PDB file of all heavy atoms in Angstrom:
ATOM      1  N   THR A   1     -42.606 -81.151  91.569  1.00  0.00           N
ATOM      2  CA  THR A   1     -41.838 -80.958  92.862  1.00  0.00           C
ATOM      3  C   THR A   1     -42.381 -79.707  93.410  1.00  0.00           C
ATOM      4  O   THR A   1     -42.633 -78.636  92.722  1.00  0.00           O
ATOM      5  CB  THR A   1     -40.356 -80.985  92.764  1.00  0.00           C
ATOM      6  OG1 THR A   1     -40.005 -79.882  91.819  1.00  0.00           O
ATOM      7  CG2 THR A   1     -39.797 -82.200  92.102  1.00  0.00           C
ATOM      8  N   PHE A   2     -42.602 -79.717  94.760  1.00  0.00           N
ATOM      9  CA  PHE A   2     -43.157 -78.441  95.444  1.00  0.00           C
ATOM     10  C   PHE A   2     -42.781 -78.559  96.923  1.00  0.00           C
ATOM     11  O   PHE A   2     -42.522 -79.593  97.402  1.00  0.00           O
ATOM     12  CB  PHE A   2     -44.463 -78.303  95.185  1.00  0.00           C
ATOM     13  CG  PHE A   2     -45.422 -79.406  95.795  1.00  0.00           C
ATOM     14  CD1 PHE A   2     -46.135 -79.132  97.017  1.00  0.00           C
ATOM     15  CD2 PHE A   2     -45.675 -80.618  95.148  1.00  0.00           C
ATOM     16  CE1 PHE A   2     -46.916 -80.105  97.622  1.00  0.00           C
ATOM     17  CE2 PHE A   2     -46.440 -81.550  95.775  1.00  0.00           C
ATOM     18  CZ  PHE A   2     -46.971 -81.374  96.989  1.00  0.00           C
ATOM     19  N   SER A   3     -42.827 -77.387  97.593  1.00  0.00           N
ATOM     20  CA  SER A   3     -42.870 -77.341  99.084  1.00  0.00           C
ATOM     21  C   SER A   3     -44.217 -77.020  99.624  1.00  0.00           C
ATOM     22  O   SER A   3     -44.964 -76.361  98.970  1.00  0.00           O
ATOM     23  CB  SER A   3     -41.839 -76.193  99.372  1.00  0.00           C
ATOM     24  OG  SER A   3     -40.496 -76.380  98.872  1.00  0.00           O
ATOM     25  N   ALA A   4     -44.463 -77.519 100.851  1.00  0.00           N
ATOM     26  CA  ALA A   4     -45.693 -77.201 101.547  1.00  0.00           C
ATOM     27  C   ALA A   4     -45.386 -76.999 102.954  1.00  0.00           C
ATOM     28  O   ALA A   4     -44.653 -77.769 103.545  1.00  0.00           O
ATOM     29  CB  ALA A   4     -46.671 -78.324 101.292  1.00  0.00           C
ATOM     30  N   VAL A   5     -45.951 -75.914 103.422  1.00  0.00           N
ATOM     31  CA  VAL A   5     -45.840 -75.703 105.002  1.00  0.00           C
ATOM     32  C   VAL A   5     -47.252 -75.966 105.541  1.00  0.00           C
ATOM     33  O   VAL A   5     -48.182 -75.314 105.198  1.00  0.00           O
ATOM     34  CB  VAL A   5     -45.362 -74.266 105.249  1.00  0.00           C
ATOM     35  CG1 VAL A   5     -45.384 -73.980 106.828  1.00  0.00           C
ATOM     36  CG2 VAL A   5     -44.017 -73.997 104.617  1.00  0.00           C
ATOM     37  N   ILE A   6     -47.305 -76.918 106.474  1.00  0.00           N
ATOM     38  CA  ILE A   6     -48.491 -77.336 106.986  1.00  0.00           C
ATOM     39  C   ILE A   6     -48.579 -76.845 108.515  1.00  0.00           C
ATOM     40  O   ILE A   6     -47.738 -77.306 109.267  1.00  0.00           O
ATOM     41  CB  ILE A   6     -48.638 -78.864 107.001  1.00  0.00           C
ATOM     42  CG1 ILE A   6     -48.396 -79.358 105.487  1.00  0.00           C
ATOM     43  CG2 ILE A   6     -49.992 -79.269 107.467  1.00  0.00           C
ATOM     44  CD1 ILE A   6     -49.316 -78.852 104.443  1.00  0.00           C
ATOM     45  N   ALA A   7     -49.566 -76.065 108.868  1.00  0.00           N
ATOM     46  CA  ALA A   7     -49.845 -75.680 110.219  1.00  0.00           C
ATOM     47  C   ALA A   7     -50.252 -76.857 111.045  1.00  0.00           C
ATOM     48  O   ALA A   7     -50.809 -77.762 110.502  1.00  0.00           O
ATOM     49  CB  ALA A   7     -50.940 -74.577 110.208  1.00  0.00           C
ATOM     50  N   PRO A   8     -50.000 -76.793 112.405  1.00  0.00           N
ATOM     51  CA  PRO A   8     -50.390 -77.859 113.249  1.00  0.00           C
ATOM     52  C   PRO A   8     -51.818 -78.278 113.111  1.00  0.00           C
ATOM     53  O   PRO A   8     -52.111 -79.556 113.191  1.00  0.00           O
ATOM     54  CB  PRO A   8     -50.066 -77.382 114.601  1.00  0.00           C
ATOM     55  CG  PRO A   8     -48.934 -76.376 114.368  1.00  0.00           C
ATOM     56  CD  PRO A   8     -49.293 -75.701 113.141  1.00  0.00           C
ATOM     57  N   GLU A   9     -52.680 -77.384 112.951  1.00  0.00           N
ATOM     58  CA  GLU A   9     -54.061 -77.648 112.829  1.00  0.00           C
ATOM     59  C   GLU A   9     -54.359 -78.563 111.624  1.00  0.00           C
ATOM     60  O   GLU A   9     -55.376 -79.287 111.628  1.00  0.00           O
ATOM     61  CB  GLU A   9     -54.943 -76.365 112.735  1.00  0.00           C
ATOM     62  CG  GLU A   9     -54.873 -75.533 113.938  1.00  0.00           C
ATOM     63  CD  GLU A   9     -53.634 -74.650 114.084  1.00  0.00           C
ATOM     64  OE1 GLU A   9     -52.874 -74.512 113.086  1.00  0.00           O
ATOM     65  OE2 GLU A   9     -53.370 -74.164 115.168  1.00  0.00           O
ATOM     66  N   GLU A  10     -53.619 -78.554 110.644  1.00  0.00           N
ATOM     67  CA  GLU A  10     -53.762 -79.355 109.393  1.00  0.00           C
ATOM     68  C   GLU A  10     -52.726 -80.381 109.376  1.00  0.00           C
ATOM     69  O   GLU A  10     -52.692 -81.103 108.373  1.00  0.00           O
ATOM     70  CB  GLU A  10     -53.603 -78.430 108.082  1.00  0.00           C
ATOM     71  CG  GLU A  10     -54.791 -77.507 107.921  1.00  0.00           C
ATOM     72  CD  GLU A  10     -56.035 -78.230 107.483  1.00  0.00           C
ATOM     73  OE1 GLU A  10     -55.988 -78.985 106.504  1.00  0.00           O
ATOM     74  OE2 GLU A  10     -57.135 -77.935 108.075  1.00  0.00           O
ATOM     75  N   GLY A  11     -52.045 -80.621 110.425  1.00  0.00           N
ATOM     76  CA  GLY A  11     -51.079 -81.700 110.591  1.00  0.00           C
ATOM     77  C   GLY A  11     -51.418 -82.625 111.666  1.00  0.00           C
ATOM     78  O   GLY A  11     -52.432 -83.361 111.562  1.00  0.00           O
ATOM     79  N   TYR A  12     -50.733 -82.623 112.760  1.00  0.00           N
ATOM     80  CA  TYR A  12     -51.076 -83.544 113.805  1.00  0.00           C
ATOM     81  C   TYR A  12     -51.727 -82.888 114.983  1.00  0.00           C
ATOM     82  O   TYR A  12     -51.796 -83.499 116.018  1.00  0.00           O
ATOM     83  CB  TYR A  12     -49.677 -84.271 114.405  1.00  0.00           C
ATOM     84  CG  TYR A  12     -49.169 -85.127 113.266  1.00  0.00           C
ATOM     85  CD1 TYR A  12     -48.165 -84.722 112.383  1.00  0.00           C
ATOM     86  CD2 TYR A  12     -49.641 -86.510 113.128  1.00  0.00           C
ATOM     87  CE1 TYR A  12     -47.659 -85.492 111.440  1.00  0.00           C
ATOM     88  CE2 TYR A  12     -49.034 -87.262 112.167  1.00  0.00           C
ATOM     89  CZ  TYR A  12     -48.037 -86.822 111.364  1.00  0.00           C
ATOM     90  OH  TYR A  12     -47.623 -87.677 110.386  1.00  0.00           O
ATOM     91  N   GLY A  13     -52.329 -81.744 114.719  1.00  0.00           N
ATOM     92  CA  GLY A  13     -53.043 -80.948 115.798  1.00  0.00           C
ATOM     93  C   GLY A  13     -52.155 -80.168 116.781  1.00  0.00           C
ATOM     94  O   GLY A  13     -50.912 -80.300 116.728  1.00  0.00           O
ATOM     95  N   GLN A  14     -52.765 -79.393 117.528  1.00  0.00           N
ATOM     96  CA  GLN A  14     -52.122 -78.850 118.731  1.00  0.00           C
ATOM     97  C   GLN A  14     -51.904 -79.749 119.812  1.00  0.00           C
ATOM     98  O   GLN A  14     -52.617 -80.720 119.981  1.00  0.00           O
ATOM     99  CB  GLN A  14     -52.859 -77.571 119.093  1.00  0.00           C
ATOM    100  CG  GLN A  14     -52.983 -76.453 118.104  1.00  0.00           C
ATOM    101  CD  GLN A  14     -51.631 -75.763 117.920  1.00  0.00           C
ATOM    102  OE1 GLN A  14     -50.683 -75.930 118.597  1.00  0.00           O
ATOM    103  NE2 GLN A  14     -51.641 -74.853 116.845  1.00  0.00           N
ATOM    104  N   GLN A  15     -50.956 -79.473 120.671  1.00  0.00           N
ATOM    105  CA  GLN A  15     -50.813 -80.216 121.921  1.00  0.00           C
ATOM    106  C   GLN A  15     -52.079 -79.997 122.849  1.00  0.00           C
ATOM    107  O   GLN A  15     -52.515 -78.943 122.958  1.00  0.00           O
ATOM    108  CB  GLN A  15     -49.609 -79.676 122.809  1.00  0.00           C
ATOM    109  CG  GLN A  15     -48.193 -79.998 122.097  1.00  0.00           C
ATOM    110  CD  GLN A  15     -47.759 -81.278 122.630  1.00  0.00           C
ATOM    111  OE1 GLN A  15     -48.130 -81.780 123.742  1.00  0.00           O
ATOM    112  NE2 GLN A  15     -46.823 -81.855 121.962  1.00  0.00           N
ATOM    113  N   LYS A  16     -52.515 -81.173 123.345  1.00  0.00           N
ATOM    114  CA  LYS A  16     -53.730 -81.163 124.228  1.00  0.00           C
ATOM    115  C   LYS A  16     -53.205 -81.356 125.644  1.00  0.00           C
ATOM    116  O   LYS A  16     -52.730 -82.493 125.980  1.00  0.00           O
ATOM    117  CB  LYS A  16     -54.715 -82.250 123.802  1.00  0.00           C
ATOM    118  CG  LYS A  16     -55.293 -82.007 122.379  1.00  0.00           C
ATOM    119  CD  LYS A  16     -56.210 -83.174 122.152  1.00  0.00           C
ATOM    120  CE  LYS A  16     -56.753 -82.926 120.617  1.00  0.00           C
ATOM    121  NZ  LYS A  16     -57.449 -84.081 120.165  1.00  0.00           N
ATOM    122  N   PRO A  17     -53.330 -80.345 126.456  1.00  0.00           N
ATOM    123  CA  PRO A  17     -52.806 -80.529 127.901  1.00  0.00           C
ATOM    124  C   PRO A  17     -53.338 -81.668 128.594  1.00  0.00           C
ATOM    125  O   PRO A  17     -52.685 -82.280 129.470  1.00  0.00           O
ATOM    126  CB  PRO A  17     -53.143 -79.225 128.528  1.00  0.00           C
ATOM    127  CG  PRO A  17     -53.412 -78.217 127.440  1.00  0.00           C
ATOM    128  CD  PRO A  17     -53.812 -79.029 126.228  1.00  0.00           C
ATOM    129  N   GLU A  18     -54.661 -81.941 128.317  1.00  0.00           N
ATOM    130  CA  GLU A  18     -55.260 -83.139 129.036  1.00  0.00           C
ATOM    131  C   GLU A  18     -54.591 -84.511 128.685  1.00  0.00           C
ATOM    132  O   GLU A  18     -54.852 -85.475 129.387  1.00  0.00           O
ATOM    133  CB  GLU A  18     -56.690 -83.091 128.813  1.00  0.00           C
ATOM    134  CG  GLU A  18     -57.110 -83.428 127.284  1.00  0.00           C
ATOM    135  CD  GLU A  18     -57.217 -82.349 126.361  1.00  0.00           C
ATOM    136  OE1 GLU A  18     -56.789 -81.198 126.769  1.00  0.00           O
ATOM    137  OE2 GLU A  18     -57.927 -82.410 125.381  1.00  0.00           O
ATOM    138  N   LEU A  19     -53.812 -84.570 127.602  1.00  0.00           N
ATOM    139  CA  LEU A  19     -53.103 -85.823 127.327  1.00  0.00           C
ATOM    140  C   LEU A  19     -51.690 -85.878 128.045  1.00  0.00           C
ATOM    141  O   LEU A  19     -50.993 -86.848 127.859  1.00  0.00           O
ATOM    142  CB  LEU A  19     -52.995 -85.985 125.827  1.00  0.00           C
ATOM    143  CG  LEU A  19     -54.299 -86.022 124.983  1.00  0.00           C
ATOM    144  CD1 LEU A  19     -54.010 -86.183 123.514  1.00  0.00           C
ATOM    145  CD2 LEU A  19     -55.123 -87.242 125.476  1.00  0.00           C
ATOM    146  N   ILE A  20     -51.410 -84.916 128.833  1.00  0.00           N
ATOM    147  CA  ILE A  20     -50.243 -84.989 129.655  1.00  0.00           C
ATOM    148  C   ILE A  20     -50.639 -85.201 131.119  1.00  0.00           C
ATOM    149  O   ILE A  20     -51.400 -84.475 131.645  1.00  0.00           O
ATOM    150  CB  ILE A  20     -49.339 -83.701 129.473  1.00  0.00           C
ATOM    151  CG1 ILE A  20     -49.006 -83.531 128.195  1.00  0.00           C
ATOM    152  CG2 ILE A  20     -48.115 -83.742 130.530  1.00  0.00           C
ATOM    153  CD1 ILE A  20     -48.287 -82.132 127.868  1.00  0.00           C
ATOM    154  N   GLN A  21     -50.206 -86.346 131.645  1.00  0.00           N
ATOM    155  CA  GLN A  21     -50.648 -86.793 132.917  1.00  0.00           C
ATOM    156  C   GLN A  21     -49.495 -87.195 133.816  1.00  0.00           C
ATOM    157  O   GLN A  21     -48.589 -87.764 133.325  1.00  0.00           O
ATOM    158  CB  GLN A  21     -51.739 -87.931 132.924  1.00  0.00           C
ATOM    159  CG  GLN A  21     -52.903 -87.526 132.058  1.00  0.00           C
ATOM    160  CD  GLN A  21     -53.895 -88.671 131.993  1.00  0.00           C
ATOM    161  OE1 GLN A  21     -53.617 -89.817 132.389  1.00  0.00           O
ATOM    162  NE2 GLN A  21     -55.018 -88.482 131.468  1.00  0.00           N
ATOM    163  N   ILE A  22     -49.651 -87.021 135.103  1.00  0.00           N
ATOM    164  CA  ILE A  22     -48.775 -87.591 136.043  1.00  0.00           C
ATOM    165  C   ILE A  22     -49.314 -88.812 136.646  1.00  0.00           C
ATOM    166  O   ILE A  22     -50.475 -88.866 137.141  1.00  0.00           O
ATOM    167  CB  ILE A  22     -48.458 -86.536 137.275  1.00  0.00           C
ATOM    168  CG1 ILE A  22     -47.842 -85.394 136.623  1.00  0.00           C
ATOM    169  CG2 ILE A  22     -47.575 -87.159 138.273  1.00  0.00           C
ATOM    170  CD1 ILE A  22     -47.534 -84.171 137.652  1.00  0.00           C
ATOM    171  N   MET A  23     -48.516 -89.912 136.619  1.00  0.00           N
ATOM    172  CA  MET A  23     -48.987 -91.304 137.063  1.00  0.00           C
ATOM    173  C   MET A  23     -48.125 -91.702 138.206  1.00  0.00           C
ATOM    174  O   MET A  23     -46.939 -91.385 138.197  1.00  0.00           O
ATOM    175  CB  MET A  23     -48.926 -92.202 135.865  1.00  0.00           C
ATOM    176  CG  MET A  23     -49.488 -91.910 134.580  1.00  0.00           C
ATOM    177  SD  MET A  23     -51.273 -92.115 134.698  1.00  0.00           S
ATOM    178  CE  MET A  23     -51.490 -93.825 134.794  1.00  0.00           C
ATOM    179  N   PRO A  24     -48.693 -92.402 139.150  1.00  0.00           N
ATOM    180  CA  PRO A  24     -47.771 -93.004 140.096  1.00  0.00           C
ATOM    181  C   PRO A  24     -46.868 -94.175 139.651  1.00  0.00           C
ATOM    182  O   PRO A  24     -47.219 -94.800 138.561  1.00  0.00           O
ATOM    183  CB  PRO A  24     -48.719 -93.544 141.170  1.00  0.00           C
ATOM    184  CG  PRO A  24     -49.926 -93.974 140.332  1.00  0.00           C
ATOM    185  CD  PRO A  24     -50.047 -92.881 139.223  1.00  0.00           C
ATOM    186  N   ARG A  25     -45.651 -94.264 140.160  1.00  0.00           N
ATOM    187  CA  ARG A  25     -44.748 -95.275 139.807  1.00  0.00           C
ATOM    188  C   ARG A  25     -45.428 -96.613 139.835  1.00  0.00           C
ATOM    189  O   ARG A  25     -45.077 -97.539 138.929  1.00  0.00           O
ATOM    190  CB  ARG A  25     -43.578 -95.292 140.641  1.00  0.00           C
ATOM    191  CG  ARG A  25     -42.490 -96.386 140.481  1.00  0.00           C
ATOM    192  CD  ARG A  25     -41.787 -96.296 139.096  1.00  0.00           C
ATOM    193  NE  ARG A  25     -40.811 -97.209 138.728  1.00  0.00           N
ATOM    194  CZ  ARG A  25     -41.014 -98.421 138.131  1.00  0.00           C
ATOM    195  NH1 ARG A  25     -42.234 -98.776 137.715  1.00  0.00           N
ATOM    196  NH2 ARG A  25     -39.996 -99.202 137.931  1.00  0.00           N
ATOM    197  N   SER A  26     -46.312 -96.941 140.701  1.00  0.00           N
ATOM    198  CA  SER A  26     -47.012 -98.147 140.828  1.00  0.00           C
ATOM    199  C   SER A  26     -47.755 -98.578 139.603  1.00  0.00           C
ATOM    200  O   SER A  26     -47.932 -99.756 139.303  1.00  0.00           O
ATOM    201  CB  SER A  26     -47.862 -98.220 142.037  1.00  0.00           C
ATOM    202  OG  SER A  26     -48.899 -97.190 141.909  1.00  0.00           O
ATOM    203  N   ALA A  27     -48.105 -97.601 138.813  1.00  0.00           N
ATOM    204  CA  ALA A  27     -48.846 -97.919 137.536  1.00  0.00           C
ATOM    205  C   ALA A  27     -47.904 -98.624 136.411  1.00  0.00           C
ATOM    206  O   ALA A  27     -48.375 -99.197 135.549  1.00  0.00           O
ATOM    207  CB  ALA A  27     -49.426 -96.662 136.922  1.00  0.00           C
ATOM    208  N   PHE A  28     -46.634 -98.598 136.783  1.00  0.00           N
ATOM    209  CA  PHE A  28     -45.709 -99.175 135.922  1.00  0.00           C
ATOM    210  C   PHE A  28     -44.883-100.366 136.659  1.00  0.00           C
ATOM    211  O   PHE A  28     -43.706-100.681 136.280  1.00  0.00           O
ATOM    212  CB  PHE A  28     -44.656 -98.103 135.451  1.00  0.00           C
ATOM    213  CG  PHE A  28     -45.210 -97.105 134.597  1.00  0.00           C
ATOM    214  CD1 PHE A  28     -45.625 -95.861 135.202  1.00  0.00           C
ATOM    215  CD2 PHE A  28     -45.384 -97.129 133.281  1.00  0.00           C
ATOM    216  CE1 PHE A  28     -46.340 -94.917 134.529  1.00  0.00           C
ATOM    217  CE2 PHE A  28     -45.957 -96.080 132.547  1.00  0.00           C
ATOM    218  CZ  PHE A  28     -46.457 -94.900 133.118  1.00  0.00           C
ATOM    219  N   ASP A  29     -45.528-100.983 137.668  1.00  0.00           N
ATOM    220  CA  ASP A  29     -44.900-102.008 138.339  1.00  0.00           C
ATOM    221  C   ASP A  29     -44.463-103.232 137.609  1.00  0.00           C
ATOM    222  O   ASP A  29     -43.388-103.817 137.951  1.00  0.00           O
ATOM    223  CB  ASP A  29     -45.865-102.665 139.444  1.00  0.00           C
ATOM    224  CG  ASP A  29     -45.935-101.759 140.653  1.00  0.00           C
ATOM    225  OD1 ASP A  29     -44.980-100.961 140.937  1.00  0.00           O
ATOM    226  OD2 ASP A  29     -46.741-101.955 141.576  1.00  0.00           O
ATOM    227  N   HIS A  30     -45.008-103.444 136.389  1.00  0.00           N
ATOM    228  CA  HIS A  30     -44.511-104.655 135.580  1.00  0.00           C
ATOM    229  C   HIS A  30     -43.333-104.251 134.796  1.00  0.00           C
ATOM    230  O   HIS A  30     -42.605-105.173 134.203  1.00  0.00           O
ATOM    231  CB  HIS A  30     -45.650-104.926 134.631  1.00  0.00           C
ATOM    232  CG  HIS A  30     -46.120-103.847 133.715  1.00  0.00           C
ATOM    233  ND1 HIS A  30     -46.836-102.726 134.120  1.00  0.00           N
ATOM    234  CD2 HIS A  30     -45.847-103.617 132.384  1.00  0.00           C
ATOM    235  CE1 HIS A  30     -47.147-101.877 133.199  1.00  0.00           C
ATOM    236  NE2 HIS A  30     -46.512-102.430 132.012  1.00  0.00           N
ATOM    237  N   ILE A  31     -42.751-103.091 134.937  1.00  0.00           N
ATOM    238  CA  ILE A  31     -41.451-102.639 134.242  1.00  0.00           C
ATOM    239  C   ILE A  31     -40.437-102.226 135.210  1.00  0.00           C
ATOM    240  O   ILE A  31     -40.669-101.369 136.023  1.00  0.00           O
ATOM    241  CB  ILE A  31     -41.775-101.444 133.299  1.00  0.00           C
ATOM    242  CG1 ILE A  31     -42.923-101.849 132.223  1.00  0.00           C
ATOM    243  CG2 ILE A  31     -40.468-101.056 132.476  1.00  0.00           C
ATOM    244  CD1 ILE A  31     -43.426-100.686 131.505  1.00  0.00           C
TER     245      ILE A  31
END
């Protein structure tokens, strides 16, 4: 049994600003 602290770089990575986008409502017309 043990504990481990994993930094974001060794986990799921850092937040990438380019993956946050503003879309028009029309892109979701089917919902």
